């Protein structure tokens, strides 16, 4: 990977991560006349957009031939039902995770959510060790311990938080539980998906189409079970506006594990993008001494990145 492509990928990843958190949080707390859009329908639409994007990428890889595209989809998906069914498990988990993120951002501020959600690094590492037999060095384990400590400090209530009545203790607990559950589901589904990719020769875009297919089915089931009455009363796209569509498009990009794998390769981009993703979802006025826990989280990722660079230099 060239240096220019690495920095471009980093910039896009920072923009995507930051803008998704900010817009999703704003869209869930914005008070408007009429019904609010349903997060369950937004998840389904994002899955459908992901399928469309991946089909276009497969079409491009097929030299822009509709006949070749149809042959690839038929051979790789319809003719391999067992391989396709393997994606049902991570797809269901991803669908649950995406719905939980809406719940979390409806009950937590953007900065607290973003820092806490980085526990998915810890869960991913644990699942990688147990499922893929990966080995982590001393610096990596130490970084994970510091990360966990930083997240714990972020959740420690400050004096300003005790005085604030913007969010009730109950809603904060719901948001925290949603984030923690999403962290575990993200770690397991990501490692499971990586394991499937290593065991087969299918392209990552085909795998994403399979994920999106099952994700749409699971998502529609969720819409019917939890929001069926509201959909029948006000329609599937109730409450949708320009901001809602921006959120859906940004989320559809995050639903592409293949893009994430490309953008975060070399590991050096990951830690810096997460640092920016943590700091940027805060107003400029909040970048002061009142945000001490976030500074601790900042040092976590600098330490993590430095340890990676140290090992690369030794090679």
C-alpha atoms as a PDB file:
ATOM      1  CA  UNK A   1       0.000   0.000   0.000  1.00  0.00           C
ATOM      2  CA  UNK A   2       1.465   3.335  -1.081  1.00  0.00           C
ATOM      3  CA  UNK A   3       1.863   6.165   1.397  1.00  0.00           C
ATOM      4  CA  UNK A   4      -0.646   8.364  -0.456  1.00  0.00           C
ATOM      5  CA  UNK A   5      -3.314   5.651  -0.517  1.00  0.00           C
ATOM      6  CA  UNK A   6      -2.697   4.975   3.147  1.00  0.00           C
ATOM      7  CA  UNK A   7      -3.291   8.605   4.106  1.00  0.00           C
ATOM      8  CA  UNK A   8      -6.317   8.904   1.820  1.00  0.00           C
ATOM      9  CA  UNK A   9      -7.811   5.784   3.406  1.00  0.00           C
ATOM     10  CA  UNK A  10      -7.053   7.211   6.828  1.00  0.00           C
ATOM     11  CA  UNK A  11      -8.746  10.499   6.010  1.00  0.00           C
ATOM     12  CA  UNK A  12     -11.849   8.796   4.632  1.00  0.00           C
ATOM     13  CA  UNK A  13     -12.016   6.510   7.661  1.00  0.00           C
ATOM     14  CA  UNK A  14     -11.748   9.468  10.046  1.00  0.00           C
ATOM     15  CA  UNK A  15     -14.472  11.365   8.192  1.00  0.00           C
ATOM     16  CA  UNK A  16     -16.733   8.335   8.024  1.00  0.00           C
ATOM     17  CA  UNK A  17     -16.360   7.381  11.693  1.00  0.00           C
ATOM     18  CA  UNK A  18     -16.730  10.910  13.006  1.00  0.00           C
ATOM     19  CA  UNK A  19     -19.561  12.054  10.768  1.00  0.00           C
ATOM     20  CA  UNK A  20     -21.593   8.893  11.394  1.00  0.00           C
ATOM     21  CA  UNK A  21     -21.478   9.325  15.166  1.00  0.00           C
ATOM     22  CA  UNK A  22     -22.313  13.026  15.018  1.00  0.00           C
ATOM     23  CA  UNK A  23     -25.124  12.767  12.481  1.00  0.00           C
ATOM     24  CA  UNK A  24     -26.653   9.664  14.069  1.00  0.00           C
ATOM     25  CA  UNK A  25     -26.605  11.246  17.522  1.00  0.00           C
ATOM     26  CA  UNK A  26     -28.065  14.501  16.182  1.00  0.00           C
ATOM     27  CA  UNK A  27     -30.775  12.711  14.192  1.00  0.00           C
ATOM     28  CA  UNK A  28     -31.868  10.691  17.236  1.00  0.00           C
ATOM     29  CA  UNK A  29     -32.096  13.727  19.535  1.00  0.00           C
ATOM     30  CA  UNK A  30     -33.460  16.286  17.074  1.00  0.00           C
ATOM     31  CA  UNK A  31     -36.962  17.402  17.985  1.00  0.00           C
ATOM     32  CA  UNK A  32     -39.206  17.815  14.976  1.00  0.00           C
ATOM     33  CA  UNK A  33     -42.897  17.760  14.280  1.00  0.00           C
ATOM     34  CA  UNK A  34     -44.292  14.401  13.312  1.00  0.00           C
ATOM     35  CA  UNK A  35     -42.989  10.903  14.024  1.00  0.00           C
ATOM     36  CA  UNK A  36     -39.263  10.198  14.347  1.00  0.00           C
ATOM     37  CA  UNK A  37     -37.723   7.827  11.828  1.00  0.00           C
ATOM     38  CA  UNK A  38     -37.463   4.202  12.922  1.00  0.00           C
ATOM     39  CA  UNK A  39     -33.948   2.916  13.499  1.00  0.00           C
ATOM     40  CA  UNK A  40     -35.024  -0.589  12.473  1.00  0.00           C
ATOM     41  CA  UNK A  41     -36.013   0.615   9.000  1.00  0.00           C
ATOM     42  CA  UNK A  42     -32.791   2.629   8.715  1.00  0.00           C
ATOM     43  CA  UNK A  43     -30.784  -0.555   9.319  1.00  0.00           C
ATOM     44  CA  UNK A  44     -32.683  -2.369   6.554  1.00  0.00           C
ATOM     45  CA  UNK A  45     -32.188   0.472   4.058  1.00  0.00           C
ATOM     46  CA  UNK A  46     -28.463   0.583   4.893  1.00  0.00           C
ATOM     47  CA  UNK A  47     -28.204  -3.157   4.207  1.00  0.00           C
ATOM     48  CA  UNK A  48     -29.920  -2.722   0.839  1.00  0.00           C
ATOM     49  CA  UNK A  49     -27.566   0.120  -0.075  1.00  0.00           C
ATOM     50  CA  UNK A  50     -24.634  -2.100   0.875  1.00  0.00           C
ATOM     51  CA  UNK A  51     -25.876  -4.837  -1.455  1.00  0.00           C
ATOM     52  CA  UNK A  52     -26.246  -2.343  -4.305  1.00  0.00           C
ATOM     53  CA  UNK A  53     -22.743  -0.967  -3.721  1.00  0.00           C
ATOM     54  CA  UNK A  54     -21.202  -4.445  -3.678  1.00  0.00           C
ATOM     55  CA  UNK A  55     -23.070  -5.487  -6.826  1.00  0.00           C
ATOM     56  CA  UNK A  56     -21.641  -2.432  -8.582  1.00  0.00           C
ATOM     57  CA  UNK A  57     -18.145  -3.396  -7.414  1.00  0.00           C
ATOM     58  CA  UNK A  58     -18.599  -6.971  -8.657  1.00  0.00           C
ATOM     59  CA  UNK A  59     -19.917  -5.518 -11.922  1.00  0.00           C
ATOM     60  CA  UNK A  60     -16.750  -3.431 -12.209  1.00  0.00           C
ATOM     61  CA  UNK A  61     -14.575  -6.482 -11.492  1.00  0.00           C
ATOM     62  CA  UNK A  62     -16.507  -8.347 -14.196  1.00  0.00           C
ATOM     63  CA  UNK A  63     -15.321  -5.788 -16.754  1.00  0.00           C
ATOM     64  CA  UNK A  64     -18.723  -4.056 -16.758  1.00  0.00           C
ATOM     65  CA  UNK A  65     -20.451  -7.043 -18.327  1.00  0.00           C
ATOM     66  CA  UNK A  66     -23.991  -7.853 -17.182  1.00  0.00           C
ATOM     67  CA  UNK A  67     -23.634 -11.406 -18.442  1.00  0.00           C
ATOM     68  CA  UNK A  68     -20.447 -11.931 -16.459  1.00  0.00           C
ATOM     69  CA  UNK A  69     -22.045 -10.329 -13.386  1.00  0.00           C
ATOM     70  CA  UNK A  70     -25.045 -12.652 -13.615  1.00  0.00           C
ATOM     71  CA  UNK A  71     -22.744 -15.665 -13.995  1.00  0.00           C
ATOM     72  CA  UNK A  72     -20.641 -14.681 -10.974  1.00  0.00           C
ATOM     73  CA  UNK A  73     -23.651 -14.107  -8.742  1.00  0.00           C
ATOM     74  CA  UNK A  74     -25.231 -17.370  -9.864  1.00  0.00           C
ATOM     75  CA  UNK A  75     -22.061 -19.444  -9.447  1.00  0.00           C
ATOM     76  CA  UNK A  76     -20.841 -17.916  -6.182  1.00  0.00           C
ATOM     77  CA  UNK A  77     -24.153 -17.455  -4.358  1.00  0.00           C
ATOM     78  CA  UNK A  78     -26.958 -19.607  -5.754  1.00  0.00           C
ATOM     79  CA  UNK A  79     -24.793 -22.623  -6.584  1.00  0.00           C
ATOM     80  CA  UNK A  80     -23.069 -22.581  -3.198  1.00  0.00           C
ATOM     81  CA  UNK A  81     -25.911 -22.546  -0.667  1.00  0.00           C
ATOM     82  CA  UNK A  82     -23.843 -23.948   2.202  1.00  0.00           C
ATOM     83  CA  UNK A  83     -21.171 -21.272   1.743  1.00  0.00           C
ATOM     84  CA  UNK A  84     -23.885 -18.642   1.663  1.00  0.00           C
ATOM     85  CA  UNK A  85     -25.528 -19.981   4.827  1.00  0.00           C
ATOM     86  CA  UNK A  86     -22.245 -19.545   6.718  1.00  0.00           C
ATOM     87  CA  UNK A  87     -22.837 -15.801   6.577  1.00  0.00           C
ATOM     88  CA  UNK A  88     -26.196 -16.042   8.369  1.00  0.00           C
ATOM     89  CA  UNK A  89     -24.549 -16.056  11.812  1.00  0.00           C
ATOM     90  CA  UNK A  90     -22.371 -12.925  11.472  1.00  0.00           C
ATOM     91  CA  UNK A  91     -25.124 -11.202   9.503  1.00  0.00           C
ATOM     92  CA  UNK A  92     -27.628 -11.659  12.314  1.00  0.00           C
ATOM     93  CA  UNK A  93     -25.065 -10.390  14.814  1.00  0.00           C
ATOM     94  CA  UNK A  94     -24.235  -7.355  12.660  1.00  0.00           C
ATOM     95  CA  UNK A  95     -27.953  -6.554  12.381  1.00  0.00           C
ATOM     96  CA  UNK A  96     -28.310  -6.697  16.153  1.00  0.00           C
ATOM     97  CA  UNK A  97     -25.207  -4.539  16.548  1.00  0.00           C
ATOM     98  CA  UNK A  98     -26.436  -1.856  14.138  1.00  0.00           C
ATOM     99  CA  UNK A  99     -29.747  -1.568  15.968  1.00  0.00           C
ATOM    100  CA  UNK A 100     -27.921  -1.365  19.300  1.00  0.00           C
ATOM    101  CA  UNK A 101     -25.812   1.549  18.054  1.00  0.00           C
ATOM    102  CA  UNK A 102     -28.960   3.590  17.455  1.00  0.00           C
ATOM    103  CA  UNK A 103     -30.114   2.755  20.985  1.00  0.00           C
ATOM    104  CA  UNK A 104     -26.720   3.735  22.412  1.00  0.00           C
ATOM    105  CA  UNK A 105     -26.537   7.084  20.628  1.00  0.00           C
ATOM    106  CA  UNK A 106     -30.091   7.874  21.692  1.00  0.00           C
ATOM    107  CA  UNK A 107     -29.026   7.560  25.340  1.00  0.00           C
ATOM    108  CA  UNK A 108     -25.347   8.638  25.419  1.00  0.00           C
ATOM    109  CA  UNK A 109     -23.459  11.706  24.270  1.00  0.00           C
ATOM    110  CA  UNK A 110     -21.292  11.228  21.198  1.00  0.00           C
ATOM    111  CA  UNK A 111     -17.914  11.430  22.972  1.00  0.00           C
ATOM    112  CA  UNK A 112     -18.797   8.888  25.684  1.00  0.00           C
ATOM    113  CA  UNK A 113     -20.225   6.546  23.084  1.00  0.00           C
ATOM    114  CA  UNK A 114     -17.173   6.807  20.831  1.00  0.00           C
ATOM    115  CA  UNK A 115     -14.683   6.106  23.599  1.00  0.00           C
ATOM    116  CA  UNK A 116     -16.681   3.256  25.116  1.00  0.00           C
ATOM    117  CA  UNK A 117     -17.257   1.646  21.738  1.00  0.00           C
ATOM    118  CA  UNK A 118     -13.501   1.234  21.324  1.00  0.00           C
ATOM    119  CA  UNK A 119     -13.783  -1.720  23.715  1.00  0.00           C
ATOM    120  CA  UNK A 120     -14.506  -3.634  20.515  1.00  0.00           C
ATOM    121  CA  UNK A 121     -10.720  -3.638  20.059  1.00  0.00           C
ATOM    122  CA  UNK A 122     -10.440  -5.630  23.267  1.00  0.00           C
ATOM    123  CA  UNK A 123     -13.227  -8.049  22.352  1.00  0.00           C
ATOM    124  CA  UNK A 124     -11.812  -8.492  18.858  1.00  0.00           C
ATOM    125  CA  UNK A 125      -8.407  -9.305  20.312  1.00  0.00           C
ATOM    126  CA  UNK A 126      -9.884 -11.867  22.714  1.00  0.00           C
ATOM    127  CA  UNK A 127     -11.908 -13.566  19.978  1.00  0.00           C
ATOM    128  CA  UNK A 128      -8.878 -13.520  17.647  1.00  0.00           C
ATOM    129  CA  UNK A 129      -6.809 -15.329  20.254  1.00  0.00           C
ATOM    130  CA  UNK A 130      -9.522 -17.900  20.969  1.00  0.00           C
ATOM    131  CA  UNK A 131     -10.895 -18.465  17.440  1.00  0.00           C
ATOM    132  CA  UNK A 132      -7.916 -17.772  15.155  1.00  0.00           C
ATOM    133  CA  UNK A 133      -5.136 -18.806  17.568  1.00  0.00           C
ATOM    134  CA  UNK A 134      -3.420 -15.465  17.145  1.00  0.00           C
ATOM    135  CA  UNK A 135      -0.682 -14.480  19.554  1.00  0.00           C
ATOM    136  CA  UNK A 136      -0.411 -11.019  21.060  1.00  0.00           C
ATOM    137  CA  UNK A 137       2.794  -9.521  22.386  1.00  0.00           C
ATOM    138  CA  UNK A 138       3.367  -7.932  25.751  1.00  0.00           C
ATOM    139  CA  UNK A 139       2.952  -4.393  24.374  1.00  0.00           C
ATOM    140  CA  UNK A 140      -0.355  -5.335  22.748  1.00  0.00           C
ATOM    141  CA  UNK A 141      -1.780  -6.842  25.940  1.00  0.00           C
ATOM    142  CA  UNK A 142      -0.584  -3.840  27.917  1.00  0.00           C
ATOM    143  CA  UNK A 143      -2.259  -1.509  25.420  1.00  0.00           C
ATOM    144  CA  UNK A 144      -5.518  -3.398  25.825  1.00  0.00           C
ATOM    145  CA  UNK A 145      -5.319  -3.128  29.611  1.00  0.00           C
ATOM    146  CA  UNK A 146      -4.719   0.622  29.374  1.00  0.00           C
ATOM    147  CA  UNK A 147      -7.613   0.892  26.926  1.00  0.00           C
ATOM    148  CA  UNK A 148      -9.941  -0.865  29.361  1.00  0.00           C
ATOM    149  CA  UNK A 149      -8.753   1.407  32.164  1.00  0.00           C
ATOM    150  CA  UNK A 150      -9.333   4.508  30.036  1.00  0.00           C
ATOM    151  CA  UNK A 151     -12.878   3.452  29.186  1.00  0.00           C
ATOM    152  CA  UNK A 152     -13.565   2.784  32.876  1.00  0.00           C
ATOM    153  CA  UNK A 153     -12.416   6.328  33.743  1.00  0.00           C
ATOM    154  CA  UNK A 154     -14.634   7.760  31.014  1.00  0.00           C
ATOM    155  CA  UNK A 155     -17.658   6.129  32.639  1.00  0.00           C
ATOM    156  CA  UNK A 156     -16.710   7.516  36.076  1.00  0.00           C
ATOM    157  CA  UNK A 157     -19.172  10.348  36.836  1.00  0.00           C
ATOM    158  CA  UNK A 158     -17.737  13.833  37.158  1.00  0.00           C
ATOM    159  CA  UNK A 159     -19.173  16.764  39.112  1.00  0.00           C
ATOM    160  CA  UNK A 160     -20.596  18.327  35.969  1.00  0.00           C
ATOM    161  CA  UNK A 161     -22.261  15.071  35.032  1.00  0.00           C
ATOM    162  CA  UNK A 162     -23.819  14.775  38.471  1.00  0.00           C
ATOM    163  CA  UNK A 163     -25.334  18.217  38.107  1.00  0.00           C
ATOM    164  CA  UNK A 164     -26.506  17.646  34.550  1.00  0.00           C
ATOM    165  CA  UNK A 165     -30.061  16.459  33.970  1.00  0.00           C
ATOM    166  CA  UNK A 166     -29.847  16.111  30.236  1.00  0.00           C
ATOM    167  CA  UNK A 167     -29.750  12.325  30.433  1.00  0.00           C
ATOM    168  CA  UNK A 168     -31.254  10.281  33.224  1.00  0.00           C
ATOM    169  CA  UNK A 169     -29.283   7.568  34.989  1.00  0.00           C
ATOM    170  CA  UNK A 170     -31.623   4.978  33.541  1.00  0.00           C
ATOM    171  CA  UNK A 171     -31.094   6.094  29.942  1.00  0.00           C
ATOM    172  CA  UNK A 172     -27.319   6.217  30.435  1.00  0.00           C
ATOM    173  CA  UNK A 173     -27.386   2.653  31.758  1.00  0.00           C
ATOM    174  CA  UNK A 174     -29.410   1.533  28.738  1.00  0.00           C
ATOM    175  CA  UNK A 175     -26.958   3.258  26.413  1.00  0.00           C
ATOM    176  CA  UNK A 176     -23.950   1.732  28.172  1.00  0.00           C
ATOM    177  CA  UNK A 177     -25.418  -1.776  28.026  1.00  0.00           C
ATOM    178  CA  UNK A 178     -26.192  -1.278  24.333  1.00  0.00           C
ATOM    179  CA  UNK A 179     -22.613  -0.205  23.602  1.00  0.00           C
ATOM    180  CA  UNK A 180     -21.085  -3.091  25.570  1.00  0.00           C
ATOM    181  CA  UNK A 181     -23.307  -5.630  23.825  1.00  0.00           C
ATOM    182  CA  UNK A 182     -22.397  -4.074  20.469  1.00  0.00           C
ATOM    183  CA  UNK A 183     -18.695  -4.367  21.362  1.00  0.00           C
ATOM    184  CA  UNK A 184     -18.961  -8.106  21.994  1.00  0.00           C
ATOM    185  CA  UNK A 185     -21.105  -8.687  18.910  1.00  0.00           C
ATOM    186  CA  UNK A 186     -18.725  -6.614  16.774  1.00  0.00           C
ATOM    187  CA  UNK A 187     -15.680  -8.524  18.022  1.00  0.00           C
ATOM    188  CA  UNK A 188     -17.196 -11.955  17.455  1.00  0.00           C
ATOM    189  CA  UNK A 189     -18.779 -11.163  14.081  1.00  0.00           C
ATOM    190  CA  UNK A 190     -15.605  -9.506  12.788  1.00  0.00           C
ATOM    191  CA  UNK A 191     -13.370 -12.435  13.737  1.00  0.00           C
ATOM    192  CA  UNK A 192     -15.906 -14.956  12.448  1.00  0.00           C
ATOM    193  CA  UNK A 193     -16.087 -13.085   9.138  1.00  0.00           C
ATOM    194  CA  UNK A 194     -12.293 -12.984   8.917  1.00  0.00           C
ATOM    195  CA  UNK A 195     -12.158 -16.736   9.533  1.00  0.00           C
ATOM    196  CA  UNK A 196     -14.634 -17.365   6.719  1.00  0.00           C
ATOM    197  CA  UNK A 197     -12.653 -15.167   4.330  1.00  0.00           C
ATOM    198  CA  UNK A 198      -9.471 -17.112   5.074  1.00  0.00           C
ATOM    199  CA  UNK A 199     -11.147 -20.480   4.524  1.00  0.00           C
ATOM    200  CA  UNK A 200     -12.688 -19.669   1.130  1.00  0.00           C
ATOM    201  CA  UNK A 201     -11.601 -18.036  -2.114  1.00  0.00           C
ATOM    202  CA  UNK A 202     -14.716 -15.959  -2.683  1.00  0.00           C
ATOM    203  CA  UNK A 203     -14.194 -12.234  -3.023  1.00  0.00           C
ATOM    204  CA  UNK A 204     -14.958  -9.960  -0.108  1.00  0.00           C
ATOM    205  CA  UNK A 205     -17.633  -8.205  -2.196  1.00  0.00           C
ATOM    206  CA  UNK A 206     -19.493 -11.471  -2.788  1.00  0.00           C
ATOM    207  CA  UNK A 207     -19.309 -12.144   0.930  1.00  0.00           C
ATOM    208  CA  UNK A 208     -20.730  -8.686   1.633  1.00  0.00           C
ATOM    209  CA  UNK A 209     -23.640  -9.358  -0.722  1.00  0.00           C
ATOM    210  CA  UNK A 210     -24.355 -12.549   1.210  1.00  0.00           C
ATOM    211  CA  UNK A 211     -24.113 -10.625   4.481  1.00  0.00           C
ATOM    212  CA  UNK A 212     -26.452  -7.951   3.191  1.00  0.00           C
ATOM    213  CA  UNK A 213     -28.977 -10.530   1.987  1.00  0.00           C
ATOM    214  CA  UNK A 214     -29.311 -12.138   5.404  1.00  0.00           C
ATOM    215  CA  UNK A 215     -29.017  -8.766   7.121  1.00  0.00           C
ATOM    216  CA  UNK A 216     -32.000  -7.465   5.162  1.00  0.00           C
ATOM    217  CA  UNK A 217     -34.055 -10.506   6.132  1.00  0.00           C
ATOM    218  CA  UNK A 218     -33.156 -10.229   9.817  1.00  0.00           C
ATOM    219  CA  UNK A 219     -33.725  -6.477   9.691  1.00  0.00           C
ATOM    220  CA  UNK A 220     -37.185  -6.853   8.158  1.00  0.00           C
ATOM    221  CA  UNK A 221     -38.049  -9.385  10.837  1.00  0.00           C
ATOM    222  CA  UNK A 222     -37.047  -6.804  13.451  1.00  0.00           C
ATOM    223  CA  UNK A 223     -39.170  -4.144  11.764  1.00  0.00           C
ATOM    224  CA  UNK A 224     -42.193  -6.452  11.749  1.00  0.00           C
ATOM    225  CA  UNK A 225     -41.767  -7.571  15.371  1.00  0.00           C
ATOM    226  CA  UNK A 226     -40.912  -4.270  17.051  1.00  0.00           C
ATOM    227  CA  UNK A 227     -42.255  -1.553  14.758  1.00  0.00           C
ATOM    228  CA  UNK A 228     -44.904  -3.323  12.699  1.00  0.00           C
ATOM    229  CA  UNK A 229     -47.772  -1.236  14.018  1.00  0.00           C
ATOM    230  CA  UNK A 230     -45.952   2.058  13.475  1.00  0.00           C
ATOM    231  CA  UNK A 231     -44.995   1.074   9.938  1.00  0.00           C
ATOM    232  CA  UNK A 232     -48.565   0.079   9.076  1.00  0.00           C
ATOM    233  CA  UNK A 233     -49.801   3.374  10.522  1.00  0.00           C
ATOM    234  CA  UNK A 234     -47.252   5.910   9.230  1.00  0.00           C
ATOM    235  CA  UNK A 235     -45.348   4.013   6.539  1.00  0.00           C
ATOM    236  CA  UNK A 236     -41.894   2.450   6.236  1.00  0.00           C
ATOM    237  CA  UNK A 237     -40.138   5.763   5.579  1.00  0.00           C
ATOM    238  CA  UNK A 238     -41.885   7.778   8.284  1.00  0.00           C
ATOM    239  CA  UNK A 239     -39.804  10.627   9.640  1.00  0.00           C
ATOM    240  CA  UNK A 240     -37.174  10.342   6.896  1.00  0.00           C
ATOM    241  CA  UNK A 241     -35.510  13.585   5.875  1.00  0.00           C
ATOM    242  CA  UNK A 242     -32.224  14.646   4.338  1.00  0.00           C
ATOM    243  CA  UNK A 243     -30.325  14.081   7.578  1.00  0.00           C
ATOM    244  CA  UNK A 244     -31.770  10.596   7.933  1.00  0.00           C
ATOM    245  CA  UNK A 245     -30.585   9.632   4.463  1.00  0.00           C
ATOM    246  CA  UNK A 246     -27.113  10.952   5.257  1.00  0.00           C
ATOM    247  CA  UNK A 247     -27.035   8.726   8.335  1.00  0.00           C
ATOM    248  CA  UNK A 248     -28.207   5.722   6.314  1.00  0.00           C
ATOM    249  CA  UNK A 249     -25.574   6.240   3.603  1.00  0.00           C
ATOM    250  CA  UNK A 250     -22.781   6.657   6.144  1.00  0.00           C
ATOM    251  CA  UNK A 251     -23.902   3.560   7.995  1.00  0.00           C
ATOM    252  CA  UNK A 252     -24.013   1.558   4.770  1.00  0.00           C
ATOM    253  CA  UNK A 253     -20.316   2.341   4.351  1.00  0.00           C
ATOM    254  CA  UNK A 254     -19.545   1.053   7.837  1.00  0.00           C
ATOM    255  CA  UNK A 255     -21.387  -2.169   6.980  1.00  0.00           C
ATOM    256  CA  UNK A 256     -18.688  -3.024   4.453  1.00  0.00           C
ATOM    257  CA  UNK A 257     -16.114  -5.193   6.287  1.00  0.00           C
ATOM    258  CA  UNK A 258     -14.139  -5.333   3.043  1.00  0.00           C
ATOM    259  CA  UNK A 259     -13.718  -1.546   2.979  1.00  0.00           C
ATOM    260  CA  UNK A 260     -12.717  -1.540   6.629  1.00  0.00           C
ATOM    261  CA  UNK A 261     -10.113  -4.205   5.979  1.00  0.00           C
ATOM    262  CA  UNK A 262      -8.598  -2.192   3.130  1.00  0.00           C
ATOM    263  CA  UNK A 263      -8.690   1.142   4.938  1.00  0.00           C
ATOM    264  CA  UNK A 264      -7.268  -0.205   8.199  1.00  0.00           C
ATOM    265  CA  UNK A 265      -4.524  -2.380   6.753  1.00  0.00           C
ATOM    266  CA  UNK A 266      -0.951  -1.900   7.975  1.00  0.00           C
ATOM    267  CA  UNK A 267      -2.497  -1.210  11.419  1.00  0.00           C
ATOM    268  CA  UNK A 268      -0.858   2.206  11.631  1.00  0.00           C
ATOM    269  CA  UNK A 269      -3.928   3.936  10.236  1.00  0.00           C
ATOM    270  CA  UNK A 270      -6.255   2.297  12.725  1.00  0.00           C
ATOM    271  CA  UNK A 271      -5.012   3.857  15.937  1.00  0.00           C
ATOM    272  CA  UNK A 272      -4.709   7.373  14.520  1.00  0.00           C
ATOM    273  CA  UNK A 273      -8.185   7.234  12.963  1.00  0.00           C
ATOM    274  CA  UNK A 274      -9.660   6.068  16.256  1.00  0.00           C
ATOM    275  CA  UNK A 275      -7.940   8.896  18.098  1.00  0.00           C
ATOM    276  CA  UNK A 276      -9.461  11.391  15.697  1.00  0.00           C
ATOM    277  CA  UNK A 277     -12.788   9.556  15.858  1.00  0.00           C
ATOM    278  CA  UNK A 278     -12.804  10.006  19.637  1.00  0.00           C
ATOM    279  CA  UNK A 279     -11.794  13.648  19.713  1.00  0.00           C
ATOM    280  CA  UNK A 280     -13.741  15.026  16.780  1.00  0.00           C
ATOM    281  CA  UNK A 281     -17.276  14.156  17.985  1.00  0.00           C
ATOM    282  CA  UNK A 282     -16.951  16.861  20.660  1.00  0.00           C
ATOM    283  CA  UNK A 283     -17.688  20.570  20.297  1.00  0.00           C
ATOM    284  CA  UNK A 284     -14.568  22.716  20.260  1.00  0.00           C
ATOM    285  CA  UNK A 285     -15.689  24.281  23.522  1.00  0.00           C
ATOM    286  CA  UNK A 286     -15.398  20.899  25.253  1.00  0.00           C
ATOM    287  CA  UNK A 287     -11.716  20.400  24.368  1.00  0.00           C
ATOM    288  CA  UNK A 288     -10.550  21.548  27.795  1.00  0.00           C
ATOM    289  CA  UNK A 289      -9.630  20.243  31.236  1.00  0.00           C
ATOM    290  CA  UNK A 290     -13.165  19.056  31.850  1.00  0.00           C
ATOM    291  CA  UNK A 291     -12.513  16.132  29.513  1.00  0.00           C
ATOM    292  CA  UNK A 292      -9.662  14.429  31.340  1.00  0.00           C
ATOM    293  CA  UNK A 293     -10.841  10.839  30.698  1.00  0.00           C
ATOM    294  CA  UNK A 294     -10.754  11.461  26.957  1.00  0.00           C
ATOM    295  CA  UNK A 295      -7.125  12.525  27.219  1.00  0.00           C
ATOM    296  CA  UNK A 296      -6.352   9.232  28.890  1.00  0.00           C
ATOM    297  CA  UNK A 297      -8.014   7.419  26.014  1.00  0.00           C
ATOM    298  CA  UNK A 298      -5.902   9.514  23.629  1.00  0.00           C
ATOM    299  CA  UNK A 299      -2.697   8.223  25.235  1.00  0.00           C
ATOM    300  CA  UNK A 300      -3.962   4.676  24.875  1.00  0.00           C
ATOM    301  CA  UNK A 301      -4.041   4.875  21.113  1.00  0.00           C
ATOM    302  CA  UNK A 302      -0.789   6.761  20.800  1.00  0.00           C
ATOM    303  CA  UNK A 303       0.824   4.023  22.884  1.00  0.00           C
ATOM    304  CA  UNK A 304      -0.779   1.348  20.740  1.00  0.00           C
ATOM    305  CA  UNK A 305       0.435   2.951  17.540  1.00  0.00           C
ATOM    306  CA  UNK A 306       3.935   3.492  18.885  1.00  0.00           C
ATOM    307  CA  UNK A 307       4.200  -0.156  19.885  1.00  0.00           C
ATOM    308  CA  UNK A 308       3.231  -1.184  16.340  1.00  0.00           C
ATOM    309  CA  UNK A 309       5.779   1.162  14.827  1.00  0.00           C
ATOM    310  CA  UNK A 310       8.449  -0.124  17.226  1.00  0.00           C
ATOM    311  CA  UNK A 311       7.861  -3.690  16.109  1.00  0.00           C
ATOM    312  CA  UNK A 312       7.886  -2.697  12.416  1.00  0.00           C
ATOM    313  CA  UNK A 313      11.186  -0.892  12.894  1.00  0.00           C
ATOM    314  CA  UNK A 314      12.727  -4.013  14.464  1.00  0.00           C
ATOM    315  CA  UNK A 315      11.782  -5.968  11.331  1.00  0.00           C
END
